[in-house]
Amino acid sequence: MALLTTGKGFIRDLEKTGALATYMPLEGGFEGRYQRRLRARGYITLSLTARGLGDLAAYLTGVHGVRPPHLGKKNIAQDAMVGLRYYVPPIALYHLETLPPQSKGLVLWIIEGTVLSRQEREYLTNLPQIEPRIKVVLEMGGERYFRWQPLQETLVAA
């Protein structure tokens, strides 16, 4: 483990490819260091978990409806038994609109990326081409040291 790491190679590869798959020791700590280095370089980071995201395209870039849990309450009106639907703005595009003017862009740091399907990883690989100000870092699993590779290479191996 390197004691002094600047993160320049990580940031350079992220800017070049747009989406990286990361592997790090399971005891943690590395993600915070690299997120801090990204923020120092002018990026805003948004941490998400891959579990329960649902449709990635709708959640990140489209207005989508959600239903809160009904908690066992029954509605006696003519509405559906599943409850009301609330519409939520797209999380990534909302954060892009509120970025400070001097910011380089938004980095979506997604943990537990192993639960995503190949199609969902392919969408995250193409997302920086759709919106160039968005970069993606997907945590794919554990390793003895912190390493990364382009997310596109995980699609070939799958």
C-alpha atoms as a PDB file:
ATOM      1  CA  MET A   1       0.000   0.000   0.000  1.00  0.00           C
ATOM      2  CA  ALA A   2       1.427   3.351  -0.985  1.00  0.00           C
ATOM      3  CA  LEU A   3       1.516   5.809   1.878  1.00  0.00           C
ATOM      4  CA  LEU A   4       1.376   8.883  -0.333  1.00  0.00           C
ATOM      5  CA  THR A   5      -0.927   8.619  -3.307  1.00  0.00           C
ATOM      6  CA  THR A   6      -1.896  11.674  -5.298  1.00  0.00           C
ATOM      7  CA  GLY A   7      -4.665  10.024  -7.286  1.00  0.00           C
ATOM      8  CA  LYS A   8      -3.554  11.691 -10.517  1.00  0.00           C
ATOM      9  CA  GLY A   9      -3.600   8.428 -12.463  1.00  0.00           C
ATOM     10  CA  PHE A  10      -7.077   7.584 -11.170  1.00  0.00           C
ATOM     11  CA  ILE A  11      -8.457  11.016 -12.097  1.00  0.00           C
ATOM     12  CA  ARG A  12      -6.698  10.979 -15.488  1.00  0.00           C
ATOM     13  CA  ASP A  13      -8.182   7.563 -16.329  1.00  0.00           C
ATOM     14  CA  LEU A  14     -11.628   8.667 -15.121  1.00  0.00           C
ATOM     15  CA  GLU A  15     -11.530  11.753 -17.336  1.00  0.00           C
ATOM     16  CA  LYS A  16     -10.295   9.703 -20.299  1.00  0.00           C
ATOM     17  CA  THR A  17     -12.767   6.797 -20.111  1.00  0.00           C
ATOM     18  CA  GLY A  18     -15.659   8.392 -18.200  1.00  0.00           C
ATOM     19  CA  ALA A  19     -16.495   5.223 -16.232  1.00  0.00           C
ATOM     20  CA  LEU A  20     -14.238   3.138 -14.001  1.00  0.00           C
ATOM     21  CA  ALA A  21     -14.665  -0.118 -12.121  1.00  0.00           C
ATOM     22  CA  THR A  22     -12.811  -0.111  -8.803  1.00  0.00           C
ATOM     23  CA  TYR A  23     -11.610  -2.924  -6.561  1.00  0.00           C
ATOM     24  CA  MET A  24     -10.428  -2.127  -3.042  1.00  0.00           C
ATOM     25  CA  PRO A  25      -9.695  -3.729   0.328  1.00  0.00           C
ATOM     26  CA  LEU A  26     -12.876  -4.564   2.179  1.00  0.00           C
ATOM     27  CA  GLU A  27     -11.846  -2.817   5.386  1.00  0.00           C
ATOM     28  CA  GLY A  28     -12.571   0.487   3.653  1.00  0.00           C
ATOM     29  CA  GLY A  29     -11.041   3.914   3.725  1.00  0.00           C
ATOM     30  CA  PHE A  30      -9.851   4.088   0.147  1.00  0.00           C
ATOM     31  CA  GLU A  31     -13.126   5.337  -1.313  1.00  0.00           C
ATOM     32  CA  GLY A  32     -13.084   8.363   0.983  1.00  0.00           C
ATOM     33  CA  ARG A  33      -9.523   9.224   0.021  1.00  0.00           C
ATOM     34  CA  TYR A  34     -10.221   9.098  -3.692  1.00  0.00           C
ATOM     35  CA  GLN A  35     -13.505  10.992  -3.335  1.00  0.00           C
ATOM     36  CA  ARG A  36     -11.602  13.697  -1.457  1.00  0.00           C
ATOM     37  CA  ARG A  37      -9.043  13.860  -4.265  1.00  0.00           C
ATOM     38  CA  LEU A  38     -11.850  14.181  -6.831  1.00  0.00           C
ATOM     39  CA  ARG A  39     -13.440  17.019  -4.855  1.00  0.00           C
ATOM     40  CA  ALA A  40     -10.055  18.761  -4.649  1.00  0.00           C
ATOM     41  CA  ARG A  41      -9.836  18.576  -8.448  1.00  0.00           C
ATOM     42  CA  GLY A  42     -13.212  20.319  -8.852  1.00  0.00           C
ATOM     43  CA  TYR A  43     -15.674  17.427  -9.102  1.00  0.00           C
ATOM     44  CA  ILE A  44     -18.803  16.983  -7.013  1.00  0.00           C
ATOM     45  CA  THR A  45     -19.291  13.389  -5.836  1.00  0.00           C
ATOM     46  CA  LEU A  46     -22.633  11.702  -5.262  1.00  0.00           C
ATOM     47  CA  SER A  47     -22.540   8.379  -3.384  1.00  0.00           C
ATOM     48  CA  LEU A  48     -25.222   5.825  -4.247  1.00  0.00           C
ATOM     49  CA  THR A  49     -25.796   2.154  -3.638  1.00  0.00           C
ATOM     50  CA  ALA A  50     -26.641  -0.119  -6.543  1.00  0.00           C
ATOM     51  CA  ARG A  51     -29.141  -2.101  -4.470  1.00  0.00           C
ATOM     52  CA  GLY A  52     -32.701  -0.983  -5.074  1.00  0.00           C
ATOM     53  CA  LEU A  53     -31.965   1.528  -7.833  1.00  0.00           C
ATOM     54  CA  GLY A  54     -34.412  -0.091 -10.225  1.00  0.00           C
ATOM     55  CA  ASP A  55     -34.340   1.302 -13.748  1.00  0.00           C
ATOM     56  CA  LEU A  56     -31.060   3.222 -13.948  1.00  0.00           C
ATOM     57  CA  ALA A  57     -32.051   5.347 -16.932  1.00  0.00           C
ATOM     58  CA  ALA A  58     -35.261   6.486 -15.254  1.00  0.00           C
ATOM     59  CA  TYR A  59     -33.677   7.033 -11.853  1.00  0.00           C
ATOM     60  CA  LEU A  60     -30.638   8.965 -13.066  1.00  0.00           C
ATOM     61  CA  THR A  61     -31.894  10.880 -16.114  1.00  0.00           C
ATOM     62  CA  GLY A  62     -35.703  10.790 -16.204  1.00  0.00           C
ATOM     63  CA  VAL A  63     -38.646  11.827 -14.063  1.00  0.00           C
ATOM     64  CA  HIS A  64     -39.942   8.659 -12.431  1.00  0.00           C
ATOM     65  CA  GLY A  65     -42.765   7.677 -10.146  1.00  0.00           C
ATOM     66  CA  VAL A  66     -42.321   6.087  -6.752  1.00  0.00           C
ATOM     67  CA  ARG A  67     -44.815   4.690  -4.284  1.00  0.00           C
ATOM     68  CA  PRO A  68     -43.995   4.948  -0.598  1.00  0.00           C
ATOM     69  CA  PRO A  69     -44.674   1.887   1.552  1.00  0.00           C
ATOM     70  CA  HIS A  70     -48.335   1.733   2.575  1.00  0.00           C
ATOM     71  CA  LEU A  71     -47.503   0.584   6.139  1.00  0.00           C
ATOM     72  CA  GLY A  72     -50.624  -1.557   6.325  1.00  0.00           C
ATOM     73  CA  LYS A  73     -53.052   1.321   5.941  1.00  0.00           C
ATOM     74  CA  LYS A  74     -55.986   0.783   3.614  1.00  0.00           C
ATOM     75  CA  ASN A  75     -57.392   3.565   1.529  1.00  0.00           C
ATOM     76  CA  ILE A  76     -61.206   3.610   1.556  1.00  0.00           C
ATOM     77  CA  ALA A  77     -61.442   5.949  -1.418  1.00  0.00           C
ATOM     78  CA  GLN A  78     -61.499   4.809  -5.031  1.00  0.00           C
ATOM     79  CA  ASP A  79     -57.694   4.979  -5.342  1.00  0.00           C
ATOM     80  CA  ALA A  80     -55.550   1.943  -5.913  1.00  0.00           C
ATOM     81  CA  MET A  81     -54.692  -0.160  -2.877  1.00  0.00           C
ATOM     82  CA  VAL A  82     -50.990   0.298  -3.506  1.00  0.00           C
ATOM     83  CA  GLY A  83     -51.115   4.002  -2.652  1.00  0.00           C
ATOM     84  CA  LEU A  84     -50.411   7.236  -4.380  1.00  0.00           C
ATOM     85  CA  ARG A  85     -47.597   7.698  -6.834  1.00  0.00           C
ATOM     86  CA  TYR A  86     -45.181  10.563  -6.260  1.00  0.00           C
ATOM     87  CA  TYR A  87     -42.981  11.827  -9.079  1.00  0.00           C
ATOM     88  CA  VAL A  88     -39.312  12.399  -8.336  1.00  0.00           C
ATOM     89  CA  PRO A  89     -36.900  14.452 -10.475  1.00  0.00           C
ATOM     90  CA  PRO A  90     -33.941  12.641 -12.074  1.00  0.00           C
ATOM     91  CA  ILE A  91     -31.205  12.518  -9.472  1.00  0.00           C
ATOM     92  CA  ALA A  92     -28.166  12.974 -11.749  1.00  0.00           C
ATOM     93  CA  LEU A  93     -29.651  15.717 -13.922  1.00  0.00           C
ATOM     94  CA  TYR A  94     -30.935  17.538 -10.832  1.00  0.00           C
ATOM     95  CA  HIS A  95     -27.428  17.604  -9.369  1.00  0.00           C
ATOM     96  CA  LEU A  96     -25.989  18.742 -12.712  1.00  0.00           C
ATOM     97  CA  GLU A  97     -28.348  21.733 -12.727  1.00  0.00           C
ATOM     98  CA  THR A  98     -27.223  22.769  -9.240  1.00  0.00           C
ATOM     99  CA  LEU A  99     -23.464  22.409  -9.817  1.00  0.00           C
ATOM    100  CA  PRO A 100     -21.343  25.439  -8.948  1.00  0.00           C
ATOM    101  CA  PRO A 101     -20.068  27.289 -12.036  1.00  0.00           C
ATOM    102  CA  GLN A 102     -16.407  26.392 -11.358  1.00  0.00           C
ATOM    103  CA  SER A 103     -17.155  22.662 -11.002  1.00  0.00           C
ATOM    104  CA  LYS A 104     -15.784  20.205 -13.568  1.00  0.00           C
ATOM    105  CA  GLY A 105     -18.723  17.837 -13.291  1.00  0.00           C
ATOM    106  CA  LEU A 106     -20.523  15.194 -11.274  1.00  0.00           C
ATOM    107  CA  VAL A 107     -19.027  11.848 -10.267  1.00  0.00           C
ATOM    108  CA  LEU A 108     -21.538   9.110  -9.444  1.00  0.00           C
ATOM    109  CA  TRP A 109     -19.770   6.861  -6.932  1.00  0.00           C
ATOM    110  CA  ILE A 110     -21.857   3.678  -6.852  1.00  0.00           C
ATOM    111  CA  ILE A 111     -21.132   0.978  -4.272  1.00  0.00           C
ATOM    112  CA  GLU A 112     -22.122  -2.698  -4.476  1.00  0.00           C
ATOM    113  CA  GLY A 113     -21.815  -2.735  -8.260  1.00  0.00           C
ATOM    114  CA  THR A 114     -21.679  -6.517  -8.361  1.00  0.00           C
ATOM    115  CA  VAL A 115     -25.485  -6.679  -8.106  1.00  0.00           C
ATOM    116  CA  LEU A 116     -25.936  -4.837 -11.412  1.00  0.00           C
ATOM    117  CA  SER A 117     -26.629  -6.784 -14.570  1.00  0.00           C
ATOM    118  CA  ARG A 118     -24.456  -6.575 -17.658  1.00  0.00           C
ATOM    119  CA  GLN A 119     -27.028  -4.348 -19.350  1.00  0.00           C
ATOM    120  CA  GLU A 120     -27.040  -1.911 -16.411  1.00  0.00           C
ATOM    121  CA  ARG A 121     -23.222  -1.767 -16.372  1.00  0.00           C
ATOM    122  CA  GLU A 122     -23.315  -1.130 -20.111  1.00  0.00           C
ATOM    123  CA  TYR A 123     -25.699   1.801 -19.537  1.00  0.00           C
ATOM    124  CA  LEU A 124     -23.333   3.246 -16.914  1.00  0.00           C
ATOM    125  CA  THR A 125     -20.469   2.848 -19.384  1.00  0.00           C
ATOM    126  CA  ASN A 126     -22.387   4.846 -22.006  1.00  0.00           C
ATOM    127  CA  LEU A 127     -23.738   7.493 -19.610  1.00  0.00           C
ATOM    128  CA  PRO A 128     -20.623   9.745 -19.857  1.00  0.00           C
ATOM    129  CA  GLN A 129     -21.026   9.795 -23.648  1.00  0.00           C
ATOM    130  CA  ILE A 130     -24.689  10.810 -23.271  1.00  0.00           C
ATOM    131  CA  GLU A 131     -23.898  13.533 -20.697  1.00  0.00           C
ATOM    132  CA  PRO A 132     -20.177  14.468 -20.733  1.00  0.00           C
ATOM    133  CA  ARG A 133     -20.274  16.237 -17.336  1.00  0.00           C
ATOM    134  CA  ILE A 134     -21.178  12.943 -15.599  1.00  0.00           C
ATOM    135  CA  LYS A 135     -18.461  10.453 -14.645  1.00  0.00           C
ATOM    136  CA  VAL A 136     -19.114   7.042 -13.067  1.00  0.00           C
ATOM    137  CA  VAL A 137     -17.090   5.076 -10.510  1.00  0.00           C
ATOM    138  CA  LEU A 138     -18.547   1.635  -9.811  1.00  0.00           C
ATOM    139  CA  GLU A 139     -17.215  -0.420  -6.902  1.00  0.00           C
ATOM    140  CA  MET A 140     -17.088  -3.982  -8.176  1.00  0.00           C
ATOM    141  CA  GLY A 141     -15.588  -5.929  -5.302  1.00  0.00           C
ATOM    142  CA  GLY A 142     -12.713  -6.542  -2.956  1.00  0.00           C
ATOM    143  CA  GLU A 143      -9.017  -6.708  -3.667  1.00  0.00           C
ATOM    144  CA  ARG A 144      -5.807  -6.673  -1.634  1.00  0.00           C
ATOM    145  CA  TYR A 145      -4.957  -3.176  -2.909  1.00  0.00           C
ATOM    146  CA  PHE A 146      -6.878  -0.339  -4.549  1.00  0.00           C
ATOM    147  CA  ARG A 147      -7.020  -0.801  -8.306  1.00  0.00           C
ATOM    148  CA  TRP A 148      -9.259   0.314 -11.149  1.00  0.00           C
ATOM    149  CA  GLN A 149      -9.944  -0.464 -14.760  1.00  0.00           C
ATOM    150  CA  PRO A 150     -12.269   0.975 -17.390  1.00  0.00           C
ATOM    151  CA  LEU A 151     -15.827  -0.219 -16.828  1.00  0.00           C
ATOM    152  CA  GLN A 152     -15.923  -1.272 -20.485  1.00  0.00           C
ATOM    153  CA  GLU A 153     -13.378  -4.020 -19.713  1.00  0.00           C
ATOM    154  CA  THR A 154     -15.710  -5.615 -17.149  1.00  0.00           C
ATOM    155  CA  LEU A 155     -18.288  -6.062 -19.895  1.00  0.00           C
ATOM    156  CA  VAL A 156     -15.835  -8.045 -22.027  1.00  0.00           C
ATOM    157  CA  ALA A 157     -14.932 -10.325 -19.133  1.00  0.00           C
ATOM    158  CA  ALA A 158     -18.567 -11.059 -18.249  1.00  0.00           C
END
